[in-house]
Amino acid sequence: MAIVIRLDRMLLERRMTLTELADRIGITVANLSILKTGKAKAVRLATLEAICRELDCQPGDLLEYVHDLPPEDGDASR
């Protein structure tokens, strides 16, 4: 995936747990975990805003675009 979520890094820097952040922004730990692990397909702007408010950061601190790496040799999906 080309968009990488850096929520784990921000939580570590802010010394905050996923559970604490979930409680502060009113989202379930399970849904926040999906975002943290990069399995989310979308994120609401209101959720992103709440995360940024509680972590005192910018959206760019949480989201990073990286070029997809080419498939490795022997990858059957080519």
PDB file of N, CA and C in Angstrom:
ATOM      1  N   MET A   1       0.842  -1.175   0.000  1.00  0.00           N
ATOM      2  CA  MET A   1       0.000   0.000   0.000  1.00  0.00           C
ATOM      3  C   MET A   1       0.893   1.245   0.000  1.00  0.00           C
ATOM      4  N   ALA A   2       0.524   2.271  -0.705  1.00  0.00           N
ATOM      5  CA  ALA A   2       1.346   3.460  -0.866  1.00  0.00           C
ATOM      6  C   ALA A   2       1.216   4.444   0.295  1.00  0.00           C
ATOM      7  N   ILE A   3       0.133   4.410   1.056  1.00  0.00           N
ATOM      8  CA  ILE A   3      -0.027   5.297   2.207  1.00  0.00           C
ATOM      9  C   ILE A   3       0.292   4.499   3.469  1.00  0.00           C
ATOM     10  N   VAL A   4       1.253   4.993   4.232  1.00  0.00           N
ATOM     11  CA  VAL A   4       1.667   4.330   5.466  1.00  0.00           C
ATOM     12  C   VAL A   4       1.163   5.162   6.642  1.00  0.00           C
ATOM     13  N   ILE A   5       0.554   4.488   7.610  1.00  0.00           N
ATOM     14  CA  ILE A   5       0.037   5.139   8.811  1.00  0.00           C
ATOM     15  C   ILE A   5       1.117   5.077   9.883  1.00  0.00           C
ATOM     16  N   ARG A   6       1.472   6.211  10.435  1.00  0.00           N
ATOM     17  CA  ARG A   6       2.530   6.301  11.449  1.00  0.00           C
ATOM     18  C   ARG A   6       1.958   6.560  12.846  1.00  0.00           C
ATOM     19  N   LEU A   7       0.776   6.040  13.112  1.00  0.00           N
ATOM     20  CA  LEU A   7       0.117   6.259  14.392  1.00  0.00           C
ATOM     21  C   LEU A   7       0.920   5.647  15.537  1.00  0.00           C
ATOM     22  N   ASP A   8       1.490   4.477  15.319  1.00  0.00           N
ATOM     23  CA  ASP A   8       2.266   3.826  16.377  1.00  0.00           C
ATOM     24  C   ASP A   8       3.436   4.695  16.817  1.00  0.00           C
ATOM     25  N   ARG A   9       4.108   5.329  15.864  1.00  0.00           N
ATOM     26  CA  ARG A   9       5.240   6.195  16.177  1.00  0.00           C
ATOM     27  C   ARG A   9       4.790   7.406  16.995  1.00  0.00           C
ATOM     28  N   MET A  10       3.653   8.005  16.595  1.00  0.00           N
ATOM     29  CA  MET A  10       3.156   9.181  17.309  1.00  0.00           C
ATOM     30  C   MET A  10       2.706   8.819  18.731  1.00  0.00           C
ATOM     31  N   LEU A  11       2.083   7.667  18.882  1.00  0.00           N
ATOM     32  CA  LEU A  11       1.674   7.231  20.218  1.00  0.00           C
ATOM     33  C   LEU A  11       2.899   7.034  21.111  1.00  0.00           C
ATOM     34  N   LEU A  12       3.932   6.435  20.577  1.00  0.00           N
ATOM     35  CA  LEU A  12       5.163   6.218  21.334  1.00  0.00           C
ATOM     36  C   LEU A  12       5.799   7.550  21.732  1.00  0.00           C
ATOM     37  N   GLU A  13       5.877   8.478  20.778  1.00  0.00           N
ATOM     38  CA  GLU A  13       6.457   9.788  21.056  1.00  0.00           C
ATOM     39  C   GLU A  13       5.668  10.554  22.117  1.00  0.00           C
ATOM     40  N   ARG A  14       4.346  10.375  22.116  1.00  0.00           N
ATOM     41  CA  ARG A  14       3.487  11.086  23.063  1.00  0.00           C
ATOM     42  C   ARG A  14       3.265  10.300  24.356  1.00  0.00           C
ATOM     43  N   ARG A  15       3.853   9.115  24.417  1.00  0.00           N
ATOM     44  CA  ARG A  15       3.701   8.228  25.584  1.00  0.00           C
ATOM     45  C   ARG A  15       2.233   8.016  25.932  1.00  0.00           C
ATOM     46  N   MET A  16       1.480   7.654  24.896  1.00  0.00           N
ATOM     47  CA  MET A  16       0.045   7.436  25.051  1.00  0.00           C
ATOM     48  C   MET A  16      -0.281   6.042  24.515  1.00  0.00           C
ATOM     49  N   THR A  17      -1.202   5.370  25.176  1.00  0.00           N
ATOM     50  CA  THR A  17      -1.612   4.047  24.706  1.00  0.00           C
ATOM     51  C   THR A  17      -2.729   4.185  23.676  1.00  0.00           C
ATOM     52  N   LEU A  18      -2.904   3.136  22.918  1.00  0.00           N
ATOM     53  CA  LEU A  18      -3.985   3.093  21.938  1.00  0.00           C
ATOM     54  C   LEU A  18      -5.336   3.207  22.644  1.00  0.00           C
ATOM     55  N   THR A  19      -5.456   2.552  23.789  1.00  0.00           N
ATOM     56  CA  THR A  19      -6.698   2.597  24.562  1.00  0.00           C
ATOM     57  C   THR A  19      -6.993   4.011  25.044  1.00  0.00           C
ATOM     58  N   GLU A  20      -5.971   4.709  25.522  1.00  0.00           N
ATOM     59  CA  GLU A  20      -6.166   6.081  25.993  1.00  0.00           C
ATOM     60  C   GLU A  20      -6.609   6.994  24.853  1.00  0.00           C
ATOM     61  N   LEU A  21      -5.967   6.859  23.696  1.00  0.00           N
ATOM     62  CA  LEU A  21      -6.347   7.676  22.546  1.00  0.00           C
ATOM     63  C   LEU A  21      -7.771   7.355  22.113  1.00  0.00           C
ATOM     64  N   ALA A  22      -8.116   6.074  22.071  1.00  0.00           N
ATOM     65  CA  ALA A  22      -9.466   5.666  21.679  1.00  0.00           C
ATOM     66  C   ALA A  22     -10.506   6.288  22.604  1.00  0.00           C
ATOM     67  N   ASP A  23     -10.234   6.271  23.908  1.00  0.00           N
ATOM     68  CA  ASP A  23     -11.163   6.869  24.871  1.00  0.00           C
ATOM     69  C   ASP A  23     -11.295   8.377  24.658  1.00  0.00           C
ATOM     70  N   ARG A  24     -10.183   9.033  24.379  1.00  0.00           N
ATOM     71  CA  ARG A  24     -10.190  10.491  24.212  1.00  0.00           C
ATOM     72  C   ARG A  24     -10.952  10.944  22.967  1.00  0.00           C
ATOM     73  N   ILE A  25     -10.894  10.128  21.894  1.00  0.00           N
ATOM     74  CA  ILE A  25     -11.529  10.559  20.645  1.00  0.00           C
ATOM     75  C   ILE A  25     -12.871   9.883  20.395  1.00  0.00           C
ATOM     76  N   GLY A  26     -13.257   8.958  21.273  1.00  0.00           N
ATOM     77  CA  GLY A  26     -14.568   8.332  21.139  1.00  0.00           C
ATOM     78  C   GLY A  26     -14.672   7.336  20.000  1.00  0.00           C
ATOM     79  N   ILE A  27     -13.662   6.516  19.839  1.00  0.00           N
ATOM     80  CA  ILE A  27     -13.662   5.468  18.818  1.00  0.00           C
ATOM     81  C   ILE A  27     -13.274   4.168  19.519  1.00  0.00           C
ATOM     82  N   THR A  28     -13.708   3.046  18.994  1.00  0.00           N
ATOM     83  CA  THR A  28     -13.364   1.777  19.636  1.00  0.00           C
ATOM     84  C   THR A  28     -11.886   1.476  19.428  1.00  0.00           C
ATOM     85  N   VAL A  29     -11.324   0.750  20.384  1.00  0.00           N
ATOM     86  CA  VAL A  29      -9.922   0.337  20.272  1.00  0.00           C
ATOM     87  C   VAL A  29      -9.741  -0.522  19.025  1.00  0.00           C
ATOM     88  N   ALA A  30     -10.724  -1.367  18.728  1.00  0.00           N
ATOM     89  CA  ALA A  30     -10.638  -2.238  17.560  1.00  0.00           C
ATOM     90  C   ALA A  30     -10.527  -1.425  16.264  1.00  0.00           C
ATOM     91  N   ASN A  31     -11.366  -0.391  16.126  1.00  0.00           N
ATOM     92  CA  ASN A  31     -11.310   0.433  14.913  1.00  0.00           C
ATOM     93  C   ASN A  31     -10.029   1.244  14.836  1.00  0.00           C
ATOM     94  N   LEU A  32      -9.557   1.746  15.956  1.00  0.00           N
ATOM     95  CA  LEU A  32      -8.310   2.497  15.972  1.00  0.00           C
ATOM     96  C   LEU A  32      -7.130   1.571  15.658  1.00  0.00           C
ATOM     97  N   SER A  33      -7.208   0.341  16.115  1.00  0.00           N
ATOM     98  CA  SER A  33      -6.171  -0.646  15.835  1.00  0.00           C
ATOM     99  C   SER A  33      -6.097  -0.960  14.346  1.00  0.00           C
ATOM    100  N   ILE A  34      -7.247  -1.037  13.689  1.00  0.00           N
ATOM    101  CA  ILE A  34      -7.282  -1.262  12.240  1.00  0.00           C
ATOM    102  C   ILE A  34      -6.562  -0.135  11.516  1.00  0.00           C
ATOM    103  N   LEU A  35      -6.764   1.074  11.978  1.00  0.00           N
ATOM    104  CA  LEU A  35      -6.070   2.221  11.391  1.00  0.00           C
ATOM    105  C   LEU A  35      -4.573   2.134  11.670  1.00  0.00           C
ATOM    106  N   LYS A  36      -4.215   1.838  12.903  1.00  0.00           N
ATOM    107  CA  LYS A  36      -2.813   1.779  13.315  1.00  0.00           C
ATOM    108  C   LYS A  36      -2.029   0.728  12.526  1.00  0.00           C
ATOM    109  N   THR A  37      -2.646  -0.405  12.260  1.00  0.00           N
ATOM    110  CA  THR A  37      -1.951  -1.476  11.559  1.00  0.00           C
ATOM    111  C   THR A  37      -1.941  -1.308  10.044  1.00  0.00           C
ATOM    112  N   GLY A  38      -2.597  -0.247   9.553  1.00  0.00           N
ATOM    113  CA  GLY A  38      -2.598   0.008   8.120  1.00  0.00           C
ATOM    114  C   GLY A  38      -3.614  -0.807   7.351  1.00  0.00           C
ATOM    115  N   LYS A  39      -4.536  -1.450   8.047  1.00  0.00           N
ATOM    116  CA  LYS A  39      -5.548  -2.278   7.382  1.00  0.00           C
ATOM    117  C   LYS A  39      -6.789  -1.490   6.980  1.00  0.00           C
ATOM    118  N   ALA A  40      -6.880  -0.243   7.430  1.00  0.00           N
ATOM    119  CA  ALA A  40      -8.040   0.591   7.094  1.00  0.00           C
ATOM    120  C   ALA A  40      -7.987   0.995   5.631  1.00  0.00           C
ATOM    121  N   LYS A  41      -9.125   1.019   4.984  1.00  0.00           N
ATOM    122  CA  LYS A  41      -9.222   1.444   3.585  1.00  0.00           C
ATOM    123  C   LYS A  41      -9.567   2.923   3.479  1.00  0.00           C
ATOM    124  N   ALA A  42     -10.040   3.499   4.592  1.00  0.00           N
ATOM    125  CA  ALA A  42     -10.425   4.911   4.601  1.00  0.00           C
ATOM    126  C   ALA A  42     -10.379   5.401   6.040  1.00  0.00           C
ATOM    127  N   VAL A  43     -10.312   6.715   6.183  1.00  0.00           N
ATOM    128  CA  VAL A  43     -10.389   7.329   7.502  1.00  0.00           C
ATOM    129  C   VAL A  43     -11.220   8.603   7.368  1.00  0.00           C
ATOM    130  N   ARG A  44     -12.142   8.784   8.267  1.00  0.00           N
ATOM    131  CA  ARG A  44     -12.966   9.998   8.239  1.00  0.00           C
ATOM    132  C   ARG A  44     -12.111  11.181   8.640  1.00  0.00           C
ATOM    133  N   LEU A  45     -12.363  12.308   8.005  1.00  0.00           N
ATOM    134  CA  LEU A  45     -11.615  13.513   8.346  1.00  0.00           C
ATOM    135  C   LEU A  45     -11.865  13.918   9.797  1.00  0.00           C
ATOM    136  N   ALA A  46     -13.064  13.688  10.293  1.00  0.00           N
ATOM    137  CA  ALA A  46     -13.360  14.004  11.694  1.00  0.00           C
ATOM    138  C   ALA A  46     -12.509  13.150  12.636  1.00  0.00           C
ATOM    139  N   THR A  47     -12.276  11.899  12.266  1.00  0.00           N
ATOM    140  CA  THR A  47     -11.423  11.021  13.074  1.00  0.00           C
ATOM    141  C   THR A  47      -9.981  11.492  13.013  1.00  0.00           C
ATOM    142  N   LEU A  48      -9.522  11.820  11.823  1.00  0.00           N
ATOM    143  CA  LEU A  48      -8.163  12.320  11.655  1.00  0.00           C
ATOM    144  C   LEU A  48      -7.962  13.608  12.443  1.00  0.00           C
ATOM    145  N   GLU A  49      -8.955  14.480  12.399  1.00  0.00           N
ATOM    146  CA  GLU A  49      -8.899  15.733  13.151  1.00  0.00           C
ATOM    147  C   GLU A  49      -8.809  15.466  14.651  1.00  0.00           C
ATOM    148  N   ALA A  50      -9.605  14.541  15.150  1.00  0.00           N
ATOM    149  CA  ALA A  50      -9.594  14.224  16.577  1.00  0.00           C
ATOM    150  C   ALA A  50      -8.259  13.619  17.001  1.00  0.00           C
ATOM    151  N   ILE A  51      -7.704  12.763  16.171  1.00  0.00           N
ATOM    152  CA  ILE A  51      -6.396  12.173  16.475  1.00  0.00           C
ATOM    153  C   ILE A  51      -5.339  13.264  16.532  1.00  0.00           C
ATOM    154  N   CYS A  52      -5.341  14.146  15.550  1.00  0.00           N
ATOM    155  CA  CYS A  52      -4.365  15.241  15.518  1.00  0.00           C
ATOM    156  C   CYS A  52      -4.521  16.163  16.727  1.00  0.00           C
ATOM    157  N   ARG A  53      -5.763  16.426  17.111  1.00  0.00           N
ATOM    158  CA  ARG A  53      -6.014  17.272  18.283  1.00  0.00           C
ATOM    159  C   ARG A  53      -5.430  16.643  19.535  1.00  0.00           C
ATOM    160  N   GLU A  54      -5.695  15.365  19.748  1.00  0.00           N
ATOM    161  CA  GLU A  54      -5.252  14.693  20.975  1.00  0.00           C
ATOM    162  C   GLU A  54      -3.752  14.418  20.989  1.00  0.00           C
ATOM    163  N   LEU A  55      -3.155  14.193  19.824  1.00  0.00           N
ATOM    164  CA  LEU A  55      -1.714  13.933  19.760  1.00  0.00           C
ATOM    165  C   LEU A  55      -0.909  15.202  19.488  1.00  0.00           C
ATOM    166  N   ASP A  56      -1.622  16.326  19.321  1.00  0.00           N
ATOM    167  CA  ASP A  56      -0.978  17.609  19.042  1.00  0.00           C
ATOM    168  C   ASP A  56      -0.006  17.465  17.862  1.00  0.00           C
ATOM    169  N   CYS A  57      -0.562  17.042  16.727  1.00  0.00           N
ATOM    170  CA  CYS A  57       0.262  16.825  15.539  1.00  0.00           C
ATOM    171  C   CYS A  57      -0.503  17.250  14.288  1.00  0.00           C
ATOM    172  N   GLN A  58       0.144  17.153  13.167  1.00  0.00           N
ATOM    173  CA  GLN A  58      -0.442  17.460  11.875  1.00  0.00           C
ATOM    174  C   GLN A  58      -0.757  16.154  11.147  1.00  0.00           C
ATOM    175  N   PRO A  59      -1.698  16.158  10.192  1.00  0.00           N
ATOM    176  CA  PRO A  59      -1.996  14.938   9.437  1.00  0.00           C
ATOM    177  C   PRO A  59      -0.746  14.330   8.786  1.00  0.00           C
ATOM    178  N   GLY A  60       0.153  15.174   8.335  1.00  0.00           N
ATOM    179  CA  GLY A  60       1.382  14.685   7.715  1.00  0.00           C
ATOM    180  C   GLY A  60       2.303  13.954   8.677  1.00  0.00           C
ATOM    181  N   ASP A  61       2.106  14.155   9.975  1.00  0.00           N
ATOM    182  CA  ASP A  61       2.875  13.403  10.969  1.00  0.00           C
ATOM    183  C   ASP A  61       2.368  11.969  11.079  1.00  0.00           C
ATOM    184  N   LEU A  62       1.128  11.747  10.661  1.00  0.00           N
ATOM    185  CA  LEU A  62       0.488  10.437  10.777  1.00  0.00           C
ATOM    186  C   LEU A  62       0.468   9.661   9.468  1.00  0.00           C
ATOM    187  N   LEU A  63       0.425  10.371   8.351  1.00  0.00           N
ATOM    188  CA  LEU A  63       0.286   9.743   7.040  1.00  0.00           C
ATOM    189  C   LEU A  63       1.516  10.016   6.198  1.00  0.00           C
ATOM    190  N   GLU A  64       1.998   8.982   5.535  1.00  0.00           N
ATOM    191  CA  GLU A  64       3.160   9.133   4.665  1.00  0.00           C
ATOM    192  C   GLU A  64       2.920   8.381   3.366  1.00  0.00           C
ATOM    193  N   TYR A  65       3.239   9.022   2.254  1.00  0.00           N
ATOM    194  CA  TYR A  65       3.147   8.367   0.955  1.00  0.00           C
ATOM    195  C   TYR A  65       4.507   7.767   0.630  1.00  0.00           C
ATOM    196  N   VAL A  66       4.513   6.487   0.279  1.00  0.00           N
ATOM    197  CA  VAL A  66       5.741   5.833  -0.167  1.00  0.00           C
ATOM    198  C   VAL A  66       5.449   5.138  -1.484  1.00  0.00           C
ATOM    199  N   HIS A  67       6.397   5.197  -2.392  1.00  0.00           N
ATOM    200  CA  HIS A  67       6.236   4.505  -3.664  1.00  0.00           C
ATOM    201  C   HIS A  67       6.175   3.012  -3.416  1.00  0.00           C
ATOM    202  N   ASP A  68       5.293   2.346  -4.126  1.00  0.00           N
ATOM    203  CA  ASP A  68       5.226   0.893  -4.020  1.00  0.00           C
ATOM    204  C   ASP A  68       6.516   0.299  -4.554  1.00  0.00           C
ATOM    205  N   LEU A  69       6.990  -0.712  -3.860  1.00  0.00           N
ATOM    206  CA  LEU A  69       8.187  -1.397  -4.323  1.00  0.00           C
ATOM    207  C   LEU A  69       7.807  -2.352  -5.440  1.00  0.00           C
ATOM    208  N   PRO A  70       8.704  -2.556  -6.404  1.00  0.00           N
ATOM    209  CA  PRO A  70       8.393  -3.525  -7.459  1.00  0.00           C
ATOM    210  C   PRO A  70       8.321  -4.926  -6.866  1.00  0.00           C
ATOM    211  N   PRO A  71       7.535  -5.820  -7.480  1.00  0.00           N
ATOM    212  CA  PRO A  71       7.439  -7.190  -6.990  1.00  0.00           C
ATOM    213  C   PRO A  71       8.808  -7.862  -6.987  1.00  0.00           C
ATOM    214  N   GLU A  72       9.031  -8.728  -5.984  1.00  0.00           N
ATOM    215  CA  GLU A  72      10.292  -9.459  -5.907  1.00  0.00           C
ATOM    216  C   GLU A  72      10.328 -10.534  -6.973  1.00  0.00           C
ATOM    217  N   ASP A  73      11.549 -10.958  -7.354  1.00  0.00           N
ATOM    218  CA  ASP A  73      11.694 -12.040  -8.335  1.00  0.00           C
ATOM    219  C   ASP A  73      10.960 -13.285  -7.832  1.00  0.00           C
ATOM    220  N   GLY A  74      10.295 -13.954  -8.728  1.00  0.00           N
ATOM    221  CA  GLY A  74       9.538 -15.143  -8.371  1.00  0.00           C
ATOM    222  C   GLY A  74       8.148 -14.851  -7.856  1.00  0.00           C
ATOM    223  N   ASP A  75       7.754 -13.595  -7.838  1.00  0.00           N
ATOM    224  CA  ASP A  75       6.418 -13.224  -7.396  1.00  0.00           C
ATOM    225  C   ASP A  75       5.424 -13.606  -8.472  1.00  0.00           C
ATOM    226  N   ALA A  76       4.496 -14.446  -8.148  1.00  0.00           N
ATOM    227  CA  ALA A  76       3.524 -14.961  -9.127  1.00  0.00           C
ATOM    228  C   ALA A  76       2.512 -13.907  -9.562  1.00  0.00           C
ATOM    229  N   SER A  77       2.457 -12.778  -8.897  1.00  0.00           N
ATOM    230  CA  SER A  77       1.439 -11.779  -9.231  1.00  0.00           C
ATOM    231  C   SER A  77       1.836 -10.869 -10.387  1.00  0.00           C
ATOM    232  N   ARG A  78       2.978 -11.076 -10.972  1.00  0.00           N
ATOM    233  CA  ARG A  78       3.423 -10.227 -12.081  1.00  0.00           C
ATOM    234  C   ARG A  78       2.567 -10.378 -13.294  1.00  0.00           C
TER     235      ARG A  78
END
